[in-house]
Amino acid sequence: MKYDKFKYLYPPRPEYKCPSVDLDKYDNGEYIGQPKYNGSCCIVFTNGKDLEVYNRHKEKLSLLTNYKEIDFRGLAQTNNWYVFAGEYLNKGKLGETGEKERNKFIIWDGKHLVGETVQTRLELLEDSFPCQRARVGIEKMEMYDHLCCTELEGIYKAPSYTGNFKKLFTELVKVDMYEGFVLKKKDAKLTFGLQELNNHDWQLKCRKETKLYKF
């Protein structure tokens, strides 16, 4: 499907659950892991001029298009349409610095490359937005262990890991902003996101337990 004009597409969604004690089973070279952030799933559609921002339920997030803190339009590298799936930090959870994190968009997949593998898509995303763990801003310097900075205002990227999943999970869940871990099979190919439940067969989530969430 050629994506040459705006059409809503549902983001890939992990449904299968994995308790943290079982993470070693997937530490076999077949999976890529990314942090699971505690925010709201957000899908950005833009050609650099036009912009559409939605949540995973196909509800338009009109307020976000007015937030000057986030350079959504800068995600388009040409005048073609691009699709980016990520997490919008809107819950004010405490981050790695101990401060509340708000008004950040964290990319974890992008460009709507139907038929391409997870590994290929993440490599292309890395080419477009190389992972930088630090950035010097106007007011302060930002440094993270599990979050990548970009050159775009308010835009960040999820790092990708290929092993040591249990150790990483234990480290991540110490920080309020991180819900846990998402594992994605490297050779799995993206299929069309035409319904809310899609592409769930090649990914699984591992979340820390809370009063409201248990396995």
N, C-alpha and C. Protein backbone atom coordinates (compact mmCIF):
# COMPACT_ATOMS: atom_id res chain seq x y z
N MET A 1 0.85 -1.18 0.00
CA MET A 1 0.00 0.00 0.00
C MET A 1 0.89 1.24 0.00
N LYS A 2 0.76 2.06 -1.01
CA LYS A 2 1.54 3.29 -1.09
C LYS A 2 0.88 4.33 -0.20
N TYR A 3 1.67 4.92 0.68
CA TYR A 3 1.13 5.89 1.62
C TYR A 3 1.48 7.29 1.13
N ASP A 4 0.61 7.85 0.26
CA ASP A 4 0.89 9.15 -0.34
C ASP A 4 -0.11 10.23 0.07
N LYS A 5 -1.01 9.90 0.99
CA LYS A 5 -1.93 10.89 1.56
C LYS A 5 -2.38 10.39 2.92
N PHE A 6 -2.90 11.29 3.72
CA PHE A 6 -3.27 10.89 5.08
C PHE A 6 -4.40 9.88 5.08
N LYS A 7 -4.18 8.81 5.80
CA LYS A 7 -5.20 7.83 6.11
C LYS A 7 -4.83 7.24 7.46
N TYR A 8 -5.77 7.19 8.39
CA TYR A 8 -5.45 6.69 9.72
C TYR A 8 -5.05 5.22 9.65
N LEU A 9 -3.98 4.89 10.36
CA LEU A 9 -3.51 3.52 10.49
C LEU A 9 -3.28 3.23 11.97
N TYR A 10 -3.76 2.09 12.43
CA TYR A 10 -3.55 1.72 13.82
C TYR A 10 -2.09 1.30 14.03
N PRO A 11 -1.52 1.63 15.19
CA PRO A 11 -0.13 1.25 15.46
C PRO A 11 -0.01 -0.23 15.80
N PRO A 12 1.15 -0.84 15.56
CA PRO A 12 1.38 -2.22 16.02
C PRO A 12 1.17 -2.28 17.53
N ARG A 13 0.45 -3.31 17.99
CA ARG A 13 0.09 -3.34 19.41
C ARG A 13 0.44 -4.68 20.05
N PRO A 14 1.30 -4.68 21.08
CA PRO A 14 1.59 -5.93 21.78
C PRO A 14 0.43 -6.33 22.69
N GLU A 15 0.02 -7.58 22.60
CA GLU A 15 -1.06 -8.10 23.44
C GLU A 15 -0.56 -9.21 24.36
N TYR A 16 0.36 -10.02 23.88
CA TYR A 16 0.88 -11.12 24.68
C TYR A 16 1.70 -10.58 25.84
N LYS A 17 1.54 -11.22 27.01
CA LYS A 17 2.22 -10.77 28.22
C LYS A 17 3.28 -11.76 28.65
N CYS A 18 4.36 -11.23 29.20
CA CYS A 18 5.46 -12.06 29.66
C CYS A 18 5.87 -11.60 31.06
N PRO A 19 5.81 -12.47 32.06
CA PRO A 19 6.31 -12.08 33.38
C PRO A 19 7.83 -11.92 33.34
N SER A 20 8.36 -11.06 34.17
CA SER A 20 9.78 -10.75 34.12
C SER A 20 10.66 -11.97 34.39
N VAL A 21 10.14 -12.94 35.15
CA VAL A 21 10.94 -14.14 35.44
C VAL A 21 11.18 -14.98 34.20
N ASP A 22 10.38 -14.75 33.14
CA ASP A 22 10.53 -15.54 31.91
C ASP A 22 11.32 -14.82 30.83
N LEU A 23 11.85 -13.64 31.11
CA LEU A 23 12.54 -12.87 30.08
C LEU A 23 13.76 -13.59 29.51
N ASP A 24 14.40 -14.41 30.32
CA ASP A 24 15.58 -15.14 29.83
C ASP A 24 15.25 -16.05 28.65
N LYS A 25 14.01 -16.51 28.56
CA LYS A 25 13.61 -17.39 27.47
C LYS A 25 13.73 -16.71 26.10
N TYR A 26 13.61 -15.38 26.11
CA TYR A 26 13.63 -14.63 24.85
C TYR A 26 15.00 -13.99 24.58
N ASP A 27 15.94 -14.25 25.48
CA ASP A 27 17.29 -13.70 25.33
C ASP A 27 18.11 -14.67 24.48
N ASN A 28 17.65 -14.88 23.23
CA ASN A 28 18.22 -15.91 22.37
C ASN A 28 18.69 -15.38 21.01
N GLY A 29 18.77 -14.06 20.89
CA GLY A 29 19.22 -13.48 19.63
C GLY A 29 18.14 -13.26 18.60
N GLU A 30 16.90 -13.67 18.92
CA GLU A 30 15.79 -13.55 17.97
C GLU A 30 14.94 -12.31 18.20
N TYR A 31 15.18 -11.62 19.31
CA TYR A 31 14.31 -10.50 19.67
C TYR A 31 15.10 -9.21 19.88
N ILE A 32 14.40 -8.10 19.69
CA ILE A 32 14.89 -6.77 20.02
C ILE A 32 13.99 -6.21 21.11
N GLY A 33 14.58 -5.62 22.12
CA GLY A 33 13.81 -5.06 23.22
C GLY A 33 13.84 -3.54 23.22
N GLN A 34 12.72 -2.94 23.61
CA GLN A 34 12.64 -1.49 23.77
C GLN A 34 11.95 -1.18 25.09
N PRO A 35 12.33 -0.08 25.75
CA PRO A 35 11.63 0.32 26.98
C PRO A 35 10.16 0.59 26.69
N LYS A 36 9.33 0.27 27.67
CA LYS A 36 7.90 0.60 27.58
C LYS A 36 7.68 1.81 28.50
N TYR A 37 7.29 2.92 27.90
CA TYR A 37 7.17 4.18 28.63
C TYR A 37 5.76 4.36 29.18
N ASN A 38 5.65 5.06 30.29
CA ASN A 38 4.36 5.27 30.94
C ASN A 38 3.76 6.58 30.46
N GLY A 39 3.12 6.52 29.31
CA GLY A 39 2.46 7.69 28.73
C GLY A 39 1.24 7.23 27.97
N SER A 40 0.96 7.87 26.85
CA SER A 40 -0.17 7.51 26.00
C SER A 40 0.33 7.23 24.59
N CYS A 41 -0.14 6.12 24.02
CA CYS A 41 0.25 5.79 22.65
C CYS A 41 -0.21 6.90 21.71
N CYS A 42 0.67 7.30 20.80
CA CYS A 42 0.42 8.45 19.94
C CYS A 42 0.92 8.13 18.54
N ILE A 43 0.13 8.43 17.52
CA ILE A 43 0.52 8.19 16.13
C ILE A 43 0.53 9.53 15.41
N VAL A 44 1.64 9.82 14.76
CA VAL A 44 1.83 11.10 14.07
C VAL A 44 1.88 10.86 12.56
N PHE A 45 1.09 11.62 11.82
CA PHE A 45 1.06 11.56 10.36
C PHE A 45 1.42 12.95 9.84
N THR A 46 2.47 13.05 9.05
CA THR A 46 2.86 14.38 8.57
C THR A 46 3.65 14.29 7.27
N ASN A 47 3.52 15.34 6.46
CA ASN A 47 4.35 15.49 5.25
C ASN A 47 5.25 16.72 5.38
N GLY A 48 5.39 17.20 6.60
CA GLY A 48 6.20 18.38 6.86
C GLY A 48 5.41 19.67 6.86
N LYS A 49 4.25 19.63 6.23
CA LYS A 49 3.36 20.79 6.18
C LYS A 49 2.06 20.48 6.91
N ASP A 50 1.38 19.45 6.45
CA ASP A 50 0.15 19.00 7.10
C ASP A 50 0.50 18.09 8.27
N LEU A 51 -0.39 18.03 9.25
CA LEU A 51 -0.11 17.26 10.44
C LEU A 51 -1.40 16.70 11.02
N GLU A 52 -1.37 15.42 11.36
CA GLU A 52 -2.48 14.76 12.04
C GLU A 52 -1.89 13.96 13.20
N VAL A 53 -2.46 14.14 14.39
CA VAL A 53 -1.97 13.44 15.57
C VAL A 53 -3.15 12.73 16.23
N TYR A 54 -3.02 11.42 16.43
CA TYR A 54 -4.12 10.60 16.96
C TYR A 54 -3.62 9.71 18.09
N ASN A 55 -4.57 9.16 18.84
CA ASN A 55 -4.23 8.09 19.78
C ASN A 55 -4.52 6.74 19.13
N ARG A 56 -4.30 5.66 19.85
CA ARG A 56 -4.44 4.33 19.25
C ARG A 56 -5.90 3.90 19.06
N HIS A 57 -6.84 4.72 19.58
CA HIS A 57 -8.26 4.42 19.42
C HIS A 57 -8.88 5.19 18.25
N LYS A 58 -8.05 5.79 17.41
CA LYS A 58 -8.50 6.57 16.26
C LYS A 58 -9.19 7.86 16.68
N GLU A 59 -8.77 8.39 17.81
CA GLU A 59 -9.29 9.67 18.31
C GLU A 59 -8.25 10.75 18.08
N LYS A 60 -8.67 11.83 17.47
CA LYS A 60 -7.74 12.91 17.14
C LYS A 60 -7.32 13.67 18.38
N LEU A 61 -6.04 13.90 18.49
CA LEU A 61 -5.51 14.68 19.60
C LEU A 61 -5.23 16.09 19.11
N SER A 62 -6.27 16.87 18.96
CA SER A 62 -6.17 18.18 18.33
C SER A 62 -5.30 19.14 19.13
N LEU A 63 -5.31 19.01 20.44
CA LEU A 63 -4.52 19.93 21.27
C LEU A 63 -3.03 19.79 21.00
N LEU A 64 -2.60 18.57 20.67
CA LEU A 64 -1.16 18.35 20.48
C LEU A 64 -0.62 19.12 19.29
N THR A 65 -1.44 19.34 18.26
CA THR A 65 -0.95 20.02 17.07
C THR A 65 -0.59 21.48 17.35
N ASN A 66 -1.01 21.99 18.50
CA ASN A 66 -0.71 23.38 18.85
C ASN A 66 0.45 23.50 19.82
N TYR A 67 0.99 22.38 20.24
CA TYR A 67 2.09 22.42 21.19
C TYR A 67 3.39 22.76 20.48
N LYS A 68 3.88 23.96 20.72
CA LYS A 68 5.10 24.40 20.05
C LYS A 68 6.33 23.69 20.61
N GLU A 69 6.16 23.03 21.77
CA GLU A 69 7.30 22.35 22.37
C GLU A 69 7.71 21.10 21.60
N ILE A 70 6.84 20.60 20.73
CA ILE A 70 7.13 19.35 20.01
C ILE A 70 7.11 19.61 18.51
N ASP A 71 8.23 19.37 17.85
CA ASP A 71 8.36 19.63 16.41
C ASP A 71 7.91 18.42 15.60
N PHE A 72 6.60 18.14 15.63
CA PHE A 72 6.05 17.00 14.90
C PHE A 72 6.33 17.10 13.39
N ARG A 73 6.17 18.27 12.83
CA ARG A 73 6.35 18.43 11.38
C ARG A 73 7.80 18.16 10.95
N GLY A 74 8.72 18.37 11.85
CA GLY A 74 10.13 18.13 11.55
C GLY A 74 10.45 16.66 11.33
N LEU A 75 9.52 15.78 11.68
CA LEU A 75 9.74 14.34 11.48
C LEU A 75 9.77 13.97 10.00
N ALA A 76 9.11 14.77 9.16
CA ALA A 76 9.11 14.51 7.71
C ALA A 76 10.42 14.99 7.11
N GLN A 77 11.13 14.09 6.45
CA GLN A 77 12.43 14.45 5.87
C GLN A 77 12.33 14.84 4.41
N THR A 78 11.17 14.62 3.82
CA THR A 78 10.86 15.08 2.47
C THR A 78 9.42 15.57 2.51
N ASN A 79 8.84 15.86 1.34
CA ASN A 79 7.43 16.27 1.33
C ASN A 79 6.49 15.07 1.19
N ASN A 80 7.02 13.85 1.33
CA ASN A 80 6.18 12.65 1.35
C ASN A 80 5.51 12.52 2.72
N TRP A 81 4.47 11.71 2.78
CA TRP A 81 3.80 11.46 4.06
C TRP A 81 4.58 10.42 4.85
N TYR A 82 4.71 10.67 6.15
CA TYR A 82 5.38 9.76 7.07
C TYR A 82 4.43 9.40 8.21
N VAL A 83 4.61 8.20 8.74
CA VAL A 83 3.83 7.75 9.88
C VAL A 83 4.80 7.34 10.99
N PHE A 84 4.60 7.87 12.19
CA PHE A 84 5.44 7.52 13.32
C PHE A 84 4.56 7.10 14.50
N ALA A 85 4.87 5.95 15.07
CA ALA A 85 4.18 5.49 16.27
C ALA A 85 5.11 5.68 17.46
N GLY A 86 4.54 6.14 18.55
CA GLY A 86 5.37 6.38 19.72
C GLY A 86 4.55 6.63 20.96
N GLU A 87 5.20 7.15 21.97
CA GLU A 87 4.58 7.42 23.26
C GLU A 87 4.62 8.91 23.55
N TYR A 88 3.47 9.46 23.91
CA TYR A 88 3.41 10.86 24.31
C TYR A 88 3.41 10.90 25.84
N LEU A 89 4.42 11.53 26.40
CA LEU A 89 4.53 11.61 27.86
C LEU A 89 3.63 12.74 28.36
N ASN A 90 2.49 12.34 28.91
CA ASN A 90 1.50 13.32 29.35
C ASN A 90 1.03 13.07 30.79
N LYS A 91 1.69 12.13 31.48
CA LYS A 91 1.21 11.76 32.81
C LYS A 91 2.05 12.34 33.94
N GLY A 92 3.12 13.04 33.58
CA GLY A 92 3.94 13.67 34.61
C GLY A 92 4.66 12.69 35.51
N LYS A 93 5.05 11.54 34.97
CA LYS A 93 5.78 10.55 35.75
C LYS A 93 7.23 11.01 35.95
N LEU A 94 7.80 10.58 37.05
CA LEU A 94 9.18 10.96 37.35
C LEU A 94 10.13 10.21 36.43
N GLY A 95 11.08 10.94 35.84
CA GLY A 95 12.03 10.35 34.92
C GLY A 95 13.35 10.01 35.59
N GLU A 96 14.36 9.77 34.78
CA GLU A 96 15.67 9.36 35.29
C GLU A 96 16.32 10.44 36.14
N THR A 97 16.00 11.70 35.88
CA THR A 97 16.61 12.80 36.64
C THR A 97 15.87 13.09 37.93
N GLY A 98 14.73 12.41 38.15
CA GLY A 98 13.92 12.68 39.33
C GLY A 98 12.91 13.78 39.11
N GLU A 99 12.89 14.35 37.91
CA GLU A 99 11.92 15.39 37.57
C GLU A 99 10.77 14.78 36.78
N LYS A 100 9.61 15.46 36.80
CA LYS A 100 8.46 14.99 36.05
C LYS A 100 8.68 15.20 34.56
N GLU A 101 8.34 14.17 33.79
CA GLU A 101 8.52 14.22 32.34
C GLU A 101 7.19 14.50 31.65
N ARG A 102 7.15 15.58 30.88
CA ARG A 102 5.93 15.96 30.15
C ARG A 102 6.30 16.49 28.77
N ASN A 103 5.31 16.47 27.87
CA ASN A 103 5.45 17.08 26.55
C ASN A 103 6.67 16.56 25.78
N LYS A 104 6.81 15.25 25.78
CA LYS A 104 7.83 14.60 24.97
C LYS A 104 7.15 13.52 24.12
N PHE A 105 7.58 13.42 22.86
CA PHE A 105 7.10 12.35 21.99
C PHE A 105 8.27 11.41 21.73
N ILE A 106 8.08 10.14 22.09
CA ILE A 106 9.14 9.14 21.96
C ILE A 106 8.78 8.17 20.84
N ILE A 107 9.56 8.18 19.77
CA ILE A 107 9.29 7.29 18.63
C ILE A 107 9.75 5.88 18.95
N TRP A 108 8.91 4.88 18.67
CA TRP A 108 9.38 3.50 18.75
C TRP A 108 9.15 2.71 17.46
N ASP A 109 8.54 3.32 16.47
CA ASP A 109 8.40 2.70 15.15
C ASP A 109 8.01 3.79 14.16
N GLY A 110 8.33 3.59 12.88
CA GLY A 110 7.99 4.66 11.96
C GLY A 110 8.11 4.33 10.50
N LYS A 111 7.61 5.25 9.69
CA LYS A 111 7.71 5.29 8.23
C LYS A 111 6.79 4.32 7.50
N HIS A 112 5.95 3.55 8.22
CA HIS A 112 4.96 2.66 7.62
C HIS A 112 5.56 1.81 6.49
N LEU A 113 6.56 1.05 6.83
CA LEU A 113 7.24 0.20 5.85
C LEU A 113 6.63 -1.19 5.87
N VAL A 114 5.45 -1.31 5.26
CA VAL A 114 4.75 -2.59 5.21
C VAL A 114 5.61 -3.61 4.47
N GLY A 115 5.75 -4.80 5.06
CA GLY A 115 6.53 -5.86 4.45
C GLY A 115 7.97 -5.89 4.90
N GLU A 116 8.43 -4.83 5.59
CA GLU A 116 9.80 -4.79 6.09
C GLU A 116 9.87 -5.39 7.50
N THR A 117 11.00 -5.96 7.85
CA THR A 117 11.15 -6.59 9.15
C THR A 117 11.35 -5.54 10.25
N VAL A 118 11.16 -5.99 11.47
CA VAL A 118 11.40 -5.12 12.63
C VAL A 118 12.83 -4.58 12.60
N GLN A 119 13.78 -5.46 12.36
CA GLN A 119 15.18 -5.03 12.37
C GLN A 119 15.46 -3.99 11.29
N THR A 120 14.92 -4.19 10.10
CA THR A 120 15.13 -3.22 9.02
C THR A 120 14.50 -1.88 9.36
N ARG A 121 13.30 -1.89 9.90
CA ARG A 121 12.62 -0.63 10.23
C ARG A 121 13.37 0.14 11.32
N LEU A 122 13.87 -0.59 12.31
CA LEU A 122 14.59 0.09 13.39
C LEU A 122 15.95 0.60 12.92
N GLU A 123 16.58 -0.12 12.00
CA GLU A 123 17.85 0.37 11.44
C GLU A 123 17.63 1.65 10.64
N LEU A 124 16.56 1.70 9.86
CA LEU A 124 16.25 2.90 9.09
C LEU A 124 15.89 4.06 10.01
N LEU A 125 15.20 3.76 11.10
CA LEU A 125 14.86 4.79 12.07
C LEU A 125 16.13 5.33 12.73
N GLU A 126 17.08 4.45 12.99
CA GLU A 126 18.35 4.87 13.57
C GLU A 126 19.14 5.73 12.59
N ASP A 127 19.07 5.40 11.30
CA ASP A 127 19.75 6.23 10.29
C ASP A 127 19.18 7.65 10.27
N SER A 128 17.86 7.75 10.42
CA SER A 128 17.20 9.06 10.38
C SER A 128 17.40 9.84 11.68
N PHE A 129 17.38 9.11 12.80
CA PHE A 129 17.49 9.76 14.11
C PHE A 129 18.48 8.98 14.97
N PRO A 130 19.77 9.19 14.74
CA PRO A 130 20.80 8.46 15.50
C PRO A 130 20.63 8.64 17.01
N CYS A 131 20.84 7.55 17.73
CA CYS A 131 20.62 7.58 19.18
C CYS A 131 21.71 8.38 19.88
N GLN A 132 21.30 9.47 20.51
CA GLN A 132 22.20 10.30 21.30
C GLN A 132 21.67 10.33 22.73
N ARG A 133 22.49 9.92 23.67
CA ARG A 133 22.02 9.85 25.06
C ARG A 133 22.11 11.20 25.78
N ALA A 134 22.62 12.21 25.10
CA ALA A 134 22.73 13.53 25.73
C ALA A 134 22.46 14.62 24.70
N ARG A 135 21.96 15.73 25.18
CA ARG A 135 21.70 16.88 24.32
C ARG A 135 21.84 18.16 25.13
N VAL A 136 22.50 19.16 24.56
CA VAL A 136 22.66 20.44 25.23
C VAL A 136 21.54 21.36 24.76
N GLY A 137 20.65 21.72 25.68
CA GLY A 137 19.53 22.59 25.34
C GLY A 137 19.83 24.04 25.70
N ILE A 138 18.83 24.88 25.49
CA ILE A 138 18.99 26.31 25.78
C ILE A 138 19.14 26.54 27.28
N GLU A 139 18.36 25.80 28.07
CA GLU A 139 18.35 26.04 29.51
C GLU A 139 19.16 25.01 30.30
N LYS A 140 19.32 23.78 29.75
CA LYS A 140 20.03 22.75 30.51
C LYS A 140 20.51 21.65 29.57
N MET A 141 21.34 20.79 30.11
CA MET A 141 21.82 19.63 29.38
C MET A 141 21.00 18.42 29.80
N GLU A 142 20.56 17.64 28.82
CA GLU A 142 19.79 16.44 29.10
C GLU A 142 20.68 15.21 28.92
N MET A 143 20.56 14.26 29.84
CA MET A 143 21.31 13.00 29.74
C MET A 143 20.42 11.87 30.20
N TYR A 144 20.39 10.78 29.43
CA TYR A 144 19.53 9.64 29.74
C TYR A 144 20.28 8.33 29.55
N ASP A 145 19.84 7.31 30.27
CA ASP A 145 20.37 5.96 30.07
C ASP A 145 19.51 5.18 29.08
N HIS A 146 18.19 5.40 29.10
CA HIS A 146 17.29 4.58 28.30
C HIS A 146 16.33 5.41 27.44
N LEU A 147 16.84 6.51 26.95
CA LEU A 147 16.07 7.39 26.08
C LEU A 147 17.05 8.10 25.15
N CYS A 148 16.72 8.15 23.86
CA CYS A 148 17.60 8.80 22.88
C CYS A 148 17.07 10.19 22.53
N CYS A 149 17.96 11.15 22.50
CA CYS A 149 17.60 12.50 22.08
C CYS A 149 17.72 12.61 20.56
N THR A 150 17.00 13.54 19.97
CA THR A 150 17.13 13.87 18.55
C THR A 150 17.42 15.36 18.44
N GLU A 151 17.59 15.83 17.22
CA GLU A 151 17.82 17.25 17.00
C GLU A 151 16.52 18.04 16.97
N LEU A 152 15.38 17.36 17.01
CA LEU A 152 14.08 18.01 16.93
C LEU A 152 13.55 18.33 18.33
N GLU A 153 12.96 19.48 18.48
CA GLU A 153 12.43 19.91 19.77
C GLU A 153 11.30 19.00 20.24
N GLY A 154 11.46 18.43 21.42
CA GLY A 154 10.42 17.60 22.01
C GLY A 154 10.31 16.21 21.44
N ILE A 155 11.20 15.84 20.51
CA ILE A 155 11.16 14.53 19.87
C ILE A 155 12.31 13.67 20.38
N TYR A 156 11.97 12.46 20.82
CA TYR A 156 12.96 11.51 21.33
C TYR A 156 12.73 10.16 20.65
N LYS A 157 13.61 9.22 20.90
CA LYS A 157 13.50 7.90 20.29
C LYS A 157 13.81 6.82 21.32
N ALA A 158 13.08 5.72 21.24
CA ALA A 158 13.35 4.60 22.13
C ALA A 158 14.60 3.87 21.67
N PRO A 159 15.55 3.59 22.56
CA PRO A 159 16.71 2.78 22.18
C PRO A 159 16.29 1.33 21.99
N SER A 160 17.11 0.57 21.28
CA SER A 160 16.83 -0.85 21.04
C SER A 160 17.95 -1.69 21.64
N TYR A 161 17.56 -2.80 22.25
CA TYR A 161 18.52 -3.70 22.90
C TYR A 161 18.37 -5.12 22.33
N THR A 162 19.48 -5.83 22.27
CA THR A 162 19.47 -7.18 21.68
C THR A 162 19.75 -8.28 22.70
N GLY A 163 19.88 -7.94 23.96
CA GLY A 163 20.13 -8.96 24.96
C GLY A 163 20.11 -8.39 26.37
N ASN A 164 20.35 -9.28 27.36
CA ASN A 164 20.33 -8.92 28.78
C ASN A 164 18.99 -8.32 29.20
N PHE A 165 17.90 -8.91 28.69
CA PHE A 165 16.57 -8.34 28.88
C PHE A 165 16.15 -8.29 30.35
N LYS A 166 16.43 -9.36 31.10
CA LYS A 166 15.99 -9.37 32.50
C LYS A 166 16.73 -8.31 33.31
N LYS A 167 18.01 -8.17 33.09
CA LYS A 167 18.80 -7.16 33.79
C LYS A 167 18.31 -5.76 33.44
N LEU A 168 18.03 -5.53 32.15
CA LEU A 168 17.55 -4.23 31.72
C LEU A 168 16.18 -3.92 32.33
N PHE A 169 15.31 -4.93 32.36
CA PHE A 169 13.98 -4.74 32.95
C PHE A 169 14.10 -4.31 34.41
N THR A 170 14.96 -5.00 35.15
CA THR A 170 15.15 -4.68 36.57
C THR A 170 15.63 -3.25 36.76
N GLU A 171 16.49 -2.80 35.85
CA GLU A 171 17.00 -1.44 35.92
C GLU A 171 15.92 -0.42 35.54
N LEU A 172 15.17 -0.71 34.49
CA LEU A 172 14.15 0.21 33.99
C LEU A 172 13.06 0.49 35.01
N VAL A 173 12.55 -0.57 35.63
CA VAL A 173 11.36 -0.41 36.47
C VAL A 173 11.64 0.32 37.78
N LYS A 174 12.88 0.65 38.04
CA LYS A 174 13.20 1.47 39.20
C LYS A 174 12.75 2.92 38.98
N VAL A 175 12.54 3.27 37.71
CA VAL A 175 12.16 4.65 37.36
C VAL A 175 10.67 4.68 37.01
N ASP A 176 9.95 5.62 37.58
CA ASP A 176 8.50 5.69 37.44
C ASP A 176 8.05 5.83 35.98
N MET A 177 8.86 6.52 35.17
CA MET A 177 8.49 6.78 33.78
C MET A 177 8.44 5.51 32.93
N TYR A 178 9.13 4.46 33.36
CA TYR A 178 9.19 3.22 32.59
C TYR A 178 8.23 2.18 33.15
N GLU A 179 7.35 1.68 32.28
CA GLU A 179 6.41 0.63 32.68
C GLU A 179 7.04 -0.76 32.60
N GLY A 180 8.04 -0.90 31.76
CA GLY A 180 8.63 -2.21 31.58
C GLY A 180 9.36 -2.33 30.26
N PHE A 181 9.06 -3.39 29.52
CA PHE A 181 9.82 -3.74 28.33
C PHE A 181 8.88 -4.28 27.26
N VAL A 182 9.19 -4.02 25.99
CA VAL A 182 8.48 -4.64 24.87
C VAL A 182 9.50 -5.40 24.03
N LEU A 183 9.21 -6.65 23.73
CA LEU A 183 10.08 -7.48 22.91
C LEU A 183 9.45 -7.66 21.53
N LYS A 184 10.29 -7.52 20.48
CA LYS A 184 9.82 -7.62 19.11
C LYS A 184 10.70 -8.60 18.35
N LYS A 185 10.10 -9.53 17.64
CA LYS A 185 10.88 -10.51 16.90
C LYS A 185 11.56 -9.85 15.71
N LYS A 186 12.88 -10.02 15.62
CA LYS A 186 13.68 -9.30 14.63
C LYS A 186 13.20 -9.49 13.20
N ASP A 187 12.86 -10.72 12.83
CA ASP A 187 12.55 -11.01 11.42
C ASP A 187 11.07 -10.90 11.09
N ALA A 188 10.26 -10.41 12.03
CA ALA A 188 8.82 -10.27 11.78
C ALA A 188 8.55 -9.08 10.85
N LYS A 189 7.64 -9.29 9.91
CA LYS A 189 7.34 -8.24 8.93
C LYS A 189 6.06 -7.48 9.29
N LEU A 190 6.09 -6.19 9.06
CA LEU A 190 4.95 -5.34 9.36
C LEU A 190 3.81 -5.61 8.37
N THR A 191 2.61 -5.78 8.91
CA THR A 191 1.42 -5.92 8.07
C THR A 191 0.55 -4.68 8.26
N PHE A 192 -0.50 -4.56 7.45
CA PHE A 192 -1.34 -3.36 7.45
C PHE A 192 -2.02 -3.15 8.80
N GLY A 193 -2.02 -1.91 9.27
CA GLY A 193 -2.68 -1.56 10.52
C GLY A 193 -4.08 -1.05 10.27
N LEU A 194 -4.93 -1.91 9.77
CA LEU A 194 -6.28 -1.49 9.39
C LEU A 194 -7.31 -1.70 10.50
N GLN A 195 -6.91 -2.39 11.57
CA GLN A 195 -7.79 -2.57 12.71
C GLN A 195 -6.98 -2.44 13.99
N GLU A 196 -7.67 -2.19 15.10
CA GLU A 196 -6.96 -1.84 16.33
C GLU A 196 -6.01 -2.95 16.79
N LEU A 197 -6.43 -4.19 16.69
CA LEU A 197 -5.56 -5.30 17.05
C LEU A 197 -4.82 -5.75 15.79
N ASN A 198 -3.54 -5.44 15.70
CA ASN A 198 -2.77 -5.80 14.52
C ASN A 198 -1.31 -6.01 14.90
N ASN A 199 -0.62 -6.82 14.12
CA ASN A 199 0.81 -7.07 14.31
C ASN A 199 1.14 -7.51 15.75
N HIS A 200 0.20 -8.19 16.40
CA HIS A 200 0.40 -8.58 17.79
C HIS A 200 1.10 -9.93 17.93
N ASP A 201 1.26 -10.65 16.82
CA ASP A 201 1.80 -12.01 16.91
C ASP A 201 3.32 -12.04 17.01
N TRP A 202 4.00 -10.90 16.79
CA TRP A 202 5.46 -10.91 16.84
C TRP A 202 6.04 -10.04 17.95
N GLN A 203 5.20 -9.63 18.88
CA GLN A 203 5.70 -8.81 19.98
C GLN A 203 4.97 -9.16 21.28
N LEU A 204 5.64 -8.91 22.39
CA LEU A 204 5.04 -9.14 23.69
C LEU A 204 5.53 -8.09 24.67
N LYS A 205 4.76 -7.88 25.72
CA LYS A 205 5.10 -6.85 26.69
C LYS A 205 5.35 -7.46 28.05
N CYS A 206 6.27 -6.86 28.76
CA CYS A 206 6.60 -7.27 30.12
C CYS A 206 6.50 -6.03 31.00
N ARG A 207 5.48 -5.98 31.82
CA ARG A 207 5.24 -4.80 32.65
C ARG A 207 5.50 -5.09 34.11
N LYS A 208 5.92 -4.05 34.84
CA LYS A 208 6.07 -4.21 36.28
C LYS A 208 4.68 -4.29 36.91
N GLU A 209 4.58 -5.06 37.97
CA GLU A 209 3.30 -5.22 38.64
C GLU A 209 2.99 -3.96 39.46
N THR A 210 1.71 -3.62 39.49
CA THR A 210 1.22 -2.52 40.32
C THR A 210 -0.04 -2.99 41.04
N LYS A 211 -0.65 -2.11 41.81
CA LYS A 211 -1.88 -2.47 42.50
C LYS A 211 -3.00 -2.79 41.50
N LEU A 212 -2.93 -2.15 40.32
CA LEU A 212 -3.98 -2.32 39.32
C LEU A 212 -3.59 -3.30 38.20
N TYR A 213 -2.32 -3.72 38.17
CA TYR A 213 -1.88 -4.59 37.08
C TYR A 213 -1.05 -5.74 37.63
N LYS A 214 -1.55 -6.96 37.43
CA LYS A 214 -0.82 -8.16 37.81
C LYS A 214 -1.03 -9.21 36.73
N PHE A 215 -0.12 -10.17 36.68
CA PHE A 215 -0.24 -11.24 35.67
C PHE A 215 -1.28 -12.25 36.13
